[in-house]
Amino acid sequence: MPLLQLVFLVLLVALPIASKKVEHNLELFFLAMAVAGATLAGIWSPHLVEEAFLHPLAVYQSGIGYVPIGITQVVLAAGL
């Protein structure tokens, strides 16, 4: 199993660098890798899918707790 995880990690890092097609479709690539990773780890559940749709990313704010942030805000912040 650790060998399969190592191959997965190498593909996750190397494919966007090595392939223009993957680089231009990065969002779909990361979606496919997330699905493959969840399958590889065996962690699929209805709760996981629900959390992925309701809270794509959560950032911890002291005093408030976890604040959900959508992919649009993350891409905008990274672009700036």
PDB file of N, CA and C in Angstrom:
ATOM      1  N   MET A   1       0.803  -1.200   0.000  1.00  0.00           N
ATOM      2  CA  MET A   1       0.000   0.000   0.000  1.00  0.00           C
ATOM      3  C   MET A   1       0.852   1.273   0.000  1.00  0.00           C
ATOM      4  N   PRO A   2       1.927   1.352   0.778  1.00  0.00           N
ATOM      5  CA  PRO A   2       2.748   2.571   0.742  1.00  0.00           C
ATOM      6  C   PRO A   2       3.322   2.856  -0.648  1.00  0.00           C
ATOM      7  N   LEU A   3       3.616   1.821  -1.423  1.00  0.00           N
ATOM      8  CA  LEU A   3       4.124   2.023  -2.777  1.00  0.00           C
ATOM      9  C   LEU A   3       3.063   2.680  -3.654  1.00  0.00           C
ATOM     10  N   LEU A   4       1.821   2.241  -3.515  1.00  0.00           N
ATOM     11  CA  LEU A   4       0.716   2.836  -4.273  1.00  0.00           C
ATOM     12  C   LEU A   4       0.511   4.296  -3.886  1.00  0.00           C
ATOM     13  N   GLN A   5       0.660   4.591  -2.617  1.00  0.00           N
ATOM     14  CA  GLN A   5       0.534   5.977  -2.160  1.00  0.00           C
ATOM     15  C   GLN A   5       1.671   6.842  -2.689  1.00  0.00           C
ATOM     16  N   LEU A   6       2.871   6.292  -2.759  1.00  0.00           N
ATOM     17  CA  LEU A   6       4.014   7.021  -3.298  1.00  0.00           C
ATOM     18  C   LEU A   6       3.812   7.311  -4.789  1.00  0.00           C
ATOM     19  N   VAL A   7       3.330   6.336  -5.531  1.00  0.00           N
ATOM     20  CA  VAL A   7       3.038   6.535  -6.957  1.00  0.00           C
ATOM     21  C   VAL A   7       1.977   7.626  -7.121  1.00  0.00           C
ATOM     22  N   PHE A   8       0.951   7.580  -6.290  1.00  0.00           N
ATOM     23  CA  PHE A   8      -0.112   8.588  -6.322  1.00  0.00           C
ATOM     24  C   PHE A   8       0.462   9.983  -6.076  1.00  0.00           C
ATOM     25  N   LEU A   9       1.328  10.122  -5.085  1.00  0.00           N
ATOM     26  CA  LEU A   9       1.943  11.409  -4.769  1.00  0.00           C
ATOM     27  C   LEU A   9       2.821  11.918  -5.910  1.00  0.00           C
ATOM     28  N   VAL A  10       3.586  11.026  -6.511  1.00  0.00           N
ATOM     29  CA  VAL A  10       4.436  11.420  -7.644  1.00  0.00           C
ATOM     30  C   VAL A  10       3.576  11.895  -8.810  1.00  0.00           C
ATOM     31  N   LEU A  11       2.499  11.186  -9.099  1.00  0.00           N
ATOM     32  CA  LEU A  11       1.596  11.604 -10.174  1.00  0.00           C
ATOM     33  C   LEU A  11       0.945  12.942  -9.863  1.00  0.00           C
ATOM     34  N   LEU A  12       0.560  13.138  -8.624  1.00  0.00           N
ATOM     35  CA  LEU A  12      -0.077  14.382  -8.211  1.00  0.00           C
ATOM     36  C   LEU A  12       0.832  15.583  -8.430  1.00  0.00           C
ATOM     37  N   VAL A  13       2.109  15.414  -8.194  1.00  0.00           N
ATOM     38  CA  VAL A  13       3.059  16.515  -8.345  1.00  0.00           C
ATOM     39  C   VAL A  13       3.582  16.620  -9.774  1.00  0.00           C
ATOM     40  N   ALA A  14       3.887  15.493 -10.397  1.00  0.00           N
ATOM     41  CA  ALA A  14       4.580  15.497 -11.688  1.00  0.00           C
ATOM     42  C   ALA A  14       3.677  15.772 -12.891  1.00  0.00           C
ATOM     43  N   LEU A  15       2.462  15.272 -12.881  1.00  0.00           N
ATOM     44  CA  LEU A  15       1.618  15.416 -14.069  1.00  0.00           C
ATOM     45  C   LEU A  15       1.319  16.862 -14.457  1.00  0.00           C
ATOM     46  N   PRO A  16       0.989  17.749 -13.507  1.00  0.00           N
ATOM     47  CA  PRO A  16       0.749  19.138 -13.928  1.00  0.00           C
ATOM     48  C   PRO A  16       1.998  19.817 -14.496  1.00  0.00           C
ATOM     49  N   ILE A  17       3.165  19.383 -14.060  1.00  0.00           N
ATOM     50  CA  ILE A  17       4.413  19.958 -14.566  1.00  0.00           C
ATOM     51  C   ILE A  17       4.764  19.390 -15.930  1.00  0.00           C
ATOM     52  N   ALA A  18       4.518  18.103 -16.117  1.00  0.00           N
ATOM     53  CA  ALA A  18       4.952  17.413 -17.331  1.00  0.00           C
ATOM     54  C   ALA A  18       3.975  17.536 -18.497  1.00  0.00           C
ATOM     55  N   SER A  19       2.712  17.825 -18.238  1.00  0.00           N
ATOM     56  CA  SER A  19       1.712  17.804 -19.297  1.00  0.00           C
ATOM     57  C   SER A  19       0.976  19.134 -19.399  1.00  0.00           C
ATOM     58  N   LYS A  20       1.034  19.737 -20.582  1.00  0.00           N
ATOM     59  CA  LYS A  20       0.289  20.990 -20.825  1.00  0.00           C
ATOM     60  C   LYS A  20      -1.212  20.757 -20.729  1.00  0.00           C
ATOM     61  N   LYS A  21      -1.672  19.583 -21.198  1.00  0.00           N
ATOM     62  CA  LYS A  21      -3.100  19.287 -21.162  1.00  0.00           C
ATOM     63  C   LYS A  21      -3.603  19.233 -19.715  1.00  0.00           C
ATOM     64  N   VAL A  22      -2.832  18.619 -18.831  1.00  0.00           N
ATOM     65  CA  VAL A  22      -3.204  18.565 -17.419  1.00  0.00           C
ATOM     66  C   VAL A  22      -3.131  19.959 -16.816  1.00  0.00           C
ATOM     67  N   GLU A  23      -2.101  20.711 -17.178  1.00  0.00           N
ATOM     68  CA  GLU A  23      -1.940  22.062 -16.647  1.00  0.00           C
ATOM     69  C   GLU A  23      -3.116  22.962 -17.021  1.00  0.00           C
ATOM     70  N   HIS A  24      -3.619  22.820 -18.232  1.00  0.00           N
ATOM     71  CA  HIS A  24      -4.741  23.654 -18.680  1.00  0.00           C
ATOM     72  C   HIS A  24      -6.079  23.214 -18.095  1.00  0.00           C
ATOM     73  N   ASN A  25      -6.144  21.999 -17.608  1.00  0.00           N
ATOM     74  CA  ASN A  25      -7.366  21.477 -16.982  1.00  0.00           C
ATOM     75  C   ASN A  25      -7.085  21.098 -15.530  1.00  0.00           C
ATOM     76  N   LEU A  26      -6.434  21.988 -14.819  1.00  0.00           N
ATOM     77  CA  LEU A  26      -5.966  21.698 -13.464  1.00  0.00           C
ATOM     78  C   LEU A  26      -7.095  21.389 -12.492  1.00  0.00           C
ATOM     79  N   GLU A  27      -8.206  22.113 -12.601  1.00  0.00           N
ATOM     80  CA  GLU A  27      -9.318  21.870 -11.683  1.00  0.00           C
ATOM     81  C   GLU A  27      -9.870  20.462 -11.836  1.00  0.00           C
ATOM     82  N   LEU A  28     -10.060  20.028 -13.086  1.00  0.00           N
ATOM     83  CA  LEU A  28     -10.559  18.666 -13.329  1.00  0.00           C
ATOM     84  C   LEU A  28      -9.542  17.625 -12.882  1.00  0.00           C
ATOM     85  N   PHE A  29      -8.264  17.915 -13.071  1.00  0.00           N
ATOM     86  CA  PHE A  29      -7.212  16.999 -12.634  1.00  0.00           C
ATOM     87  C   PHE A  29      -7.249  16.829 -11.118  1.00  0.00           C
ATOM     88  N   PHE A  30      -7.359  17.947 -10.390  1.00  0.00           N
ATOM     89  CA  PHE A  30      -7.396  17.846  -8.935  1.00  0.00           C
ATOM     90  C   PHE A  30      -8.673  17.169  -8.449  1.00  0.00           C
ATOM     91  N   LEU A  31      -9.778  17.373  -9.143  1.00  0.00           N
ATOM     92  CA  LEU A  31     -11.004  16.658  -8.795  1.00  0.00           C
ATOM     93  C   LEU A  31     -10.806  15.158  -8.973  1.00  0.00           C
ATOM     94  N   ALA A  32     -10.222  14.766 -10.098  1.00  0.00           N
ATOM     95  CA  ALA A  32      -9.977  13.344 -10.354  1.00  0.00           C
ATOM     96  C   ALA A  32      -9.005  12.766  -9.329  1.00  0.00           C
ATOM     97  N   MET A  33      -7.987  13.523  -8.963  1.00  0.00           N
ATOM     98  CA  MET A  33      -7.020  13.041  -7.971  1.00  0.00           C
ATOM     99  C   MET A  33      -7.664  12.936  -6.586  1.00  0.00           C
ATOM    100  N   ALA A  34      -8.584  13.849  -6.265  1.00  0.00           N
ATOM    101  CA  ALA A  34      -9.282  13.772  -4.977  1.00  0.00           C
ATOM    102  C   ALA A  34     -10.164  12.530  -4.923  1.00  0.00           C
ATOM    103  N   VAL A  35     -10.854  12.255  -6.014  1.00  0.00           N
ATOM    104  CA  VAL A  35     -11.689  11.050  -6.081  1.00  0.00           C
ATOM    105  C   VAL A  35     -10.807   9.805  -5.975  1.00  0.00           C
ATOM    106  N   ALA A  36      -9.677   9.792  -6.701  1.00  0.00           N
ATOM    107  CA  ALA A  36      -8.769   8.655  -6.635  1.00  0.00           C
ATOM    108  C   ALA A  36      -8.170   8.501  -5.235  1.00  0.00           C
ATOM    109  N   GLY A  37      -7.825   9.622  -4.608  1.00  0.00           N
ATOM    110  CA  GLY A  37      -7.263   9.564  -3.257  1.00  0.00           C
ATOM    111  C   GLY A  37      -8.255   9.043  -2.235  1.00  0.00           C
ATOM    112  N   ALA A  38      -9.496   9.506  -2.314  1.00  0.00           N
ATOM    113  CA  ALA A  38     -10.522   9.021  -1.392  1.00  0.00           C
ATOM    114  C   ALA A  38     -10.795   7.537  -1.617  1.00  0.00           C
ATOM    115  N   THR A  39     -10.747   7.111  -2.873  1.00  0.00           N
ATOM    116  CA  THR A  39     -10.942   5.699  -3.183  1.00  0.00           C
ATOM    117  C   THR A  39      -9.766   4.879  -2.668  1.00  0.00           C
ATOM    118  N   LEU A  40      -8.550   5.373  -2.902  1.00  0.00           N
ATOM    119  CA  LEU A  40      -7.349   4.682  -2.446  1.00  0.00           C
ATOM    120  C   LEU A  40      -7.340   4.550  -0.921  1.00  0.00           C
ATOM    121  N   ALA A  41      -7.766   5.596  -0.228  1.00  0.00           N
ATOM    122  CA  ALA A  41      -7.794   5.571   1.240  1.00  0.00           C
ATOM    123  C   ALA A  41      -9.003   4.821   1.784  1.00  0.00           C
ATOM    124  N   GLY A  42      -9.999   4.589   0.932  1.00  0.00           N
ATOM    125  CA  GLY A  42     -11.199   3.871   1.368  1.00  0.00           C
ATOM    126  C   GLY A  42     -12.042   4.667   2.342  1.00  0.00           C
ATOM    127  N   ILE A  43     -12.162   5.977   2.112  1.00  0.00           N
ATOM    128  CA  ILE A  43     -12.881   6.823   3.065  1.00  0.00           C
ATOM    129  C   ILE A  43     -14.189   7.376   2.510  1.00  0.00           C
ATOM    130  N   TRP A  44     -14.711   6.793   1.437  1.00  0.00           N
ATOM    131  CA  TRP A  44     -15.967   7.287   0.867  1.00  0.00           C
ATOM    132  C   TRP A  44     -17.108   7.076   1.851  1.00  0.00           C
ATOM    133  N   SER A  45     -17.927   8.115   2.012  1.00  0.00           N
ATOM    134  CA  SER A  45     -19.129   8.021   2.838  1.00  0.00           C
ATOM    135  C   SER A  45     -20.070   9.143   2.407  1.00  0.00           C
ATOM    136  N   PRO A  46     -21.350   8.999   2.693  1.00  0.00           N
ATOM    137  CA  PRO A  46     -22.272  10.092   2.380  1.00  0.00           C
ATOM    138  C   PRO A  46     -21.891  11.390   3.103  1.00  0.00           C
ATOM    139  N   HIS A  47     -21.361  11.268   4.315  1.00  0.00           N
ATOM    140  CA  HIS A  47     -20.950  12.450   5.073  1.00  0.00           C
ATOM    141  C   HIS A  47     -19.792  13.167   4.369  1.00  0.00           C
ATOM    142  N   LEU A  48     -18.845  12.437   3.816  1.00  0.00           N
ATOM    143  CA  LEU A  48     -17.724  13.042   3.089  1.00  0.00           C
ATOM    144  C   LEU A  48     -18.222  13.828   1.887  1.00  0.00           C
ATOM    145  N   VAL A  49     -19.132  13.257   1.128  1.00  0.00           N
ATOM    146  CA  VAL A  49     -19.667  13.930  -0.056  1.00  0.00           C
ATOM    147  C   VAL A  49     -20.451  15.176   0.353  1.00  0.00           C
ATOM    148  N   GLU A  50     -21.241  15.063   1.400  1.00  0.00           N
ATOM    149  CA  GLU A  50     -22.012  16.212   1.885  1.00  0.00           C
ATOM    150  C   GLU A  50     -21.080  17.345   2.320  1.00  0.00           C
ATOM    151  N   GLU A  51     -20.044  17.023   3.069  1.00  0.00           N
ATOM    152  CA  GLU A  51     -19.095  18.035   3.526  1.00  0.00           C
ATOM    153  C   GLU A  51     -18.357  18.672   2.350  1.00  0.00           C
ATOM    154  N   ALA A  52     -18.034  17.894   1.348  1.00  0.00           N
ATOM    155  CA  ALA A  52     -17.324  18.429   0.182  1.00  0.00           C
ATOM    156  C   ALA A  52     -18.182  19.439  -0.572  1.00  0.00           C
ATOM    157  N   PHE A  53     -19.480  19.192  -0.642  1.00  0.00           N
ATOM    158  CA  PHE A  53     -20.357  20.128  -1.345  1.00  0.00           C
ATOM    159  C   PHE A  53     -20.705  21.350  -0.501  1.00  0.00           C
ATOM    160  N   LEU A  54     -20.882  21.150   0.796  1.00  0.00           N
ATOM    161  CA  LEU A  54     -21.296  22.255   1.649  1.00  0.00           C
ATOM    162  C   LEU A  54     -20.137  23.154   2.070  1.00  0.00           C
ATOM    163  N   HIS A  55     -18.983  22.577   2.291  1.00  0.00           N
ATOM    164  CA  HIS A  55     -17.826  23.329   2.787  1.00  0.00           C
ATOM    165  C   HIS A  55     -16.575  22.928   2.004  1.00  0.00           C
ATOM    166  N   PRO A  56     -16.370  23.502   0.819  1.00  0.00           N
ATOM    167  CA  PRO A  56     -15.204  23.115   0.018  1.00  0.00           C
ATOM    168  C   PRO A  56     -13.874  23.358   0.728  1.00  0.00           C
ATOM    169  N   LEU A  57     -13.800  24.412   1.527  1.00  0.00           N
ATOM    170  CA  LEU A  57     -12.585  24.710   2.269  1.00  0.00           C
ATOM    171  C   LEU A  57     -12.990  25.454   3.529  1.00  0.00           C
ATOM    172  N   ALA A  58     -12.393  25.107   4.645  1.00  0.00           N
ATOM    173  CA  ALA A  58     -12.696  25.801   5.890  1.00  0.00           C
ATOM    174  C   ALA A  58     -11.401  26.318   6.497  1.00  0.00           C
ATOM    175  N   VAL A  59     -11.436  27.556   6.961  1.00  0.00           N
ATOM    176  CA  VAL A  59     -10.287  28.194   7.590  1.00  0.00           C
ATOM    177  C   VAL A  59     -10.645  28.490   9.036  1.00  0.00           C
ATOM    178  N   TYR A  60      -9.731  28.183   9.942  1.00  0.00           N
ATOM    179  CA  TYR A  60     -10.005  28.408  11.356  1.00  0.00           C
ATOM    180  C   TYR A  60      -9.737  29.859  11.726  1.00  0.00           C
ATOM    181  N   GLN A  61     -10.723  30.504  12.355  1.00  0.00           N
ATOM    182  CA  GLN A  61     -10.597  31.869  12.858  1.00  0.00           C
ATOM    183  C   GLN A  61     -10.792  31.811  14.369  1.00  0.00           C
ATOM    184  N   SER A  62      -9.791  32.279  15.117  1.00  0.00           N
ATOM    185  CA  SER A  62      -9.911  32.213  16.578  1.00  0.00           C
ATOM    186  C   SER A  62     -11.107  33.040  17.041  1.00  0.00           C
ATOM    187  N   GLY A  63     -11.849  32.483  17.959  1.00  0.00           N
ATOM    188  CA  GLY A  63     -13.035  33.146  18.478  1.00  0.00           C
ATOM    189  C   GLY A  63     -14.293  32.878  17.681  1.00  0.00           C
ATOM    190  N   ILE A  64     -14.132  32.486  16.416  1.00  0.00           N
ATOM    191  CA  ILE A  64     -15.284  32.223  15.548  1.00  0.00           C
ATOM    192  C   ILE A  64     -15.422  30.731  15.288  1.00  0.00           C
ATOM    193  N   GLY A  65     -14.314  30.069  15.035  1.00  0.00           N
ATOM    194  CA  GLY A  65     -14.327  28.659  14.673  1.00  0.00           C
ATOM    195  C   GLY A  65     -13.975  28.510  13.206  1.00  0.00           C
ATOM    196  N   TYR A  66     -14.456  27.449  12.574  1.00  0.00           N
ATOM    197  CA  TYR A  66     -14.165  27.198  11.170  1.00  0.00           C
ATOM    198  C   TYR A  66     -15.117  27.987  10.278  1.00  0.00           C
ATOM    199  N   VAL A  67     -14.554  28.744   9.345  1.00  0.00           N
ATOM    200  CA  VAL A  67     -15.328  29.561   8.428  1.00  0.00           C
ATOM    201  C   VAL A  67     -15.164  28.971   7.026  1.00  0.00           C
ATOM    202  N   PRO A  68     -16.268  28.569   6.372  1.00  0.00           N
ATOM    203  CA  PRO A  68     -16.146  28.001   5.032  1.00  0.00           C
ATOM    204  C   PRO A  68     -15.784  29.068   3.998  1.00  0.00           C
ATOM    205  N   ILE A  69     -14.889  28.710   3.099  1.00  0.00           N
ATOM    206  CA  ILE A  69     -14.477  29.602   2.016  1.00  0.00           C
ATOM    207  C   ILE A  69     -14.608  28.809   0.717  1.00  0.00           C
ATOM    208  N   GLY A  70     -15.266  29.381  -0.274  1.00  0.00           N
ATOM    209  CA  GLY A  70     -15.460  28.705  -1.553  1.00  0.00           C
ATOM    210  C   GLY A  70     -14.230  28.782  -2.433  1.00  0.00           C
ATOM    211  N   ILE A  71     -14.195  27.972  -3.456  1.00  0.00           N
ATOM    212  CA  ILE A  71     -13.056  27.910  -4.368  1.00  0.00           C
ATOM    213  C   ILE A  71     -12.849  29.237  -5.096  1.00  0.00           C
ATOM    214  N   THR A  72     -13.925  29.982  -5.330  1.00  0.00           N
ATOM    215  CA  THR A  72     -13.795  31.278  -6.005  1.00  0.00           C
ATOM    216  C   THR A  72     -12.932  32.234  -5.194  1.00  0.00           C
ATOM    217  N   GLN A  73     -13.162  32.290  -3.897  1.00  0.00           N
ATOM    218  CA  GLN A  73     -12.369  33.182  -3.053  1.00  0.00           C
ATOM    219  C   GLN A  73     -10.923  32.732  -2.985  1.00  0.00           C
ATOM    220  N   VAL A  74     -10.677  31.446  -2.944  1.00  0.00           N
ATOM    221  CA  VAL A  74      -9.312  30.919  -2.874  1.00  0.00           C
ATOM    222  C   VAL A  74      -8.554  31.244  -4.151  1.00  0.00           C
ATOM    223  N   VAL A  75      -9.176  31.041  -5.306  1.00  0.00           N
ATOM    224  CA  VAL A  75      -8.517  31.329  -6.588  1.00  0.00           C
ATOM    225  C   VAL A  75      -8.269  32.836  -6.719  1.00  0.00           C
ATOM    226  N   LEU A  76      -9.215  33.656  -6.293  1.00  0.00           N
ATOM    227  CA  LEU A  76      -9.022  35.097  -6.338  1.00  0.00           C
ATOM    228  C   LEU A  76      -7.854  35.536  -5.448  1.00  0.00           C
ATOM    229  N   ALA A  77      -7.802  35.029  -4.233  1.00  0.00           N
ATOM    230  CA  ALA A  77      -6.712  35.392  -3.311  1.00  0.00           C
ATOM    231  C   ALA A  77      -5.360  34.920  -3.849  1.00  0.00           C
ATOM    232  N   ALA A  78      -5.309  33.710  -4.385  1.00  0.00           N
ATOM    233  CA  ALA A  78      -4.055  33.192  -4.931  1.00  0.00           C
ATOM    234  C   ALA A  78      -3.623  33.996  -6.160  1.00  0.00           C
ATOM    235  N   GLY A  79      -4.580  34.418  -6.950  1.00  0.00           N
ATOM    236  CA  GLY A  79      -4.257  35.209  -8.142  1.00  0.00           C
ATOM    237  C   GLY A  79      -3.745  36.599  -7.823  1.00  0.00           C
ATOM    238  N   LEU A  80      -4.237  37.160  -6.719  1.00  0.00           N
ATOM    239  CA  LEU A  80      -3.788  38.485  -6.316  1.00  0.00           C
ATOM    240  C   LEU A  80      -2.398  38.421  -5.731  1.00  0.00           C
TER     241      LEU A  80
END
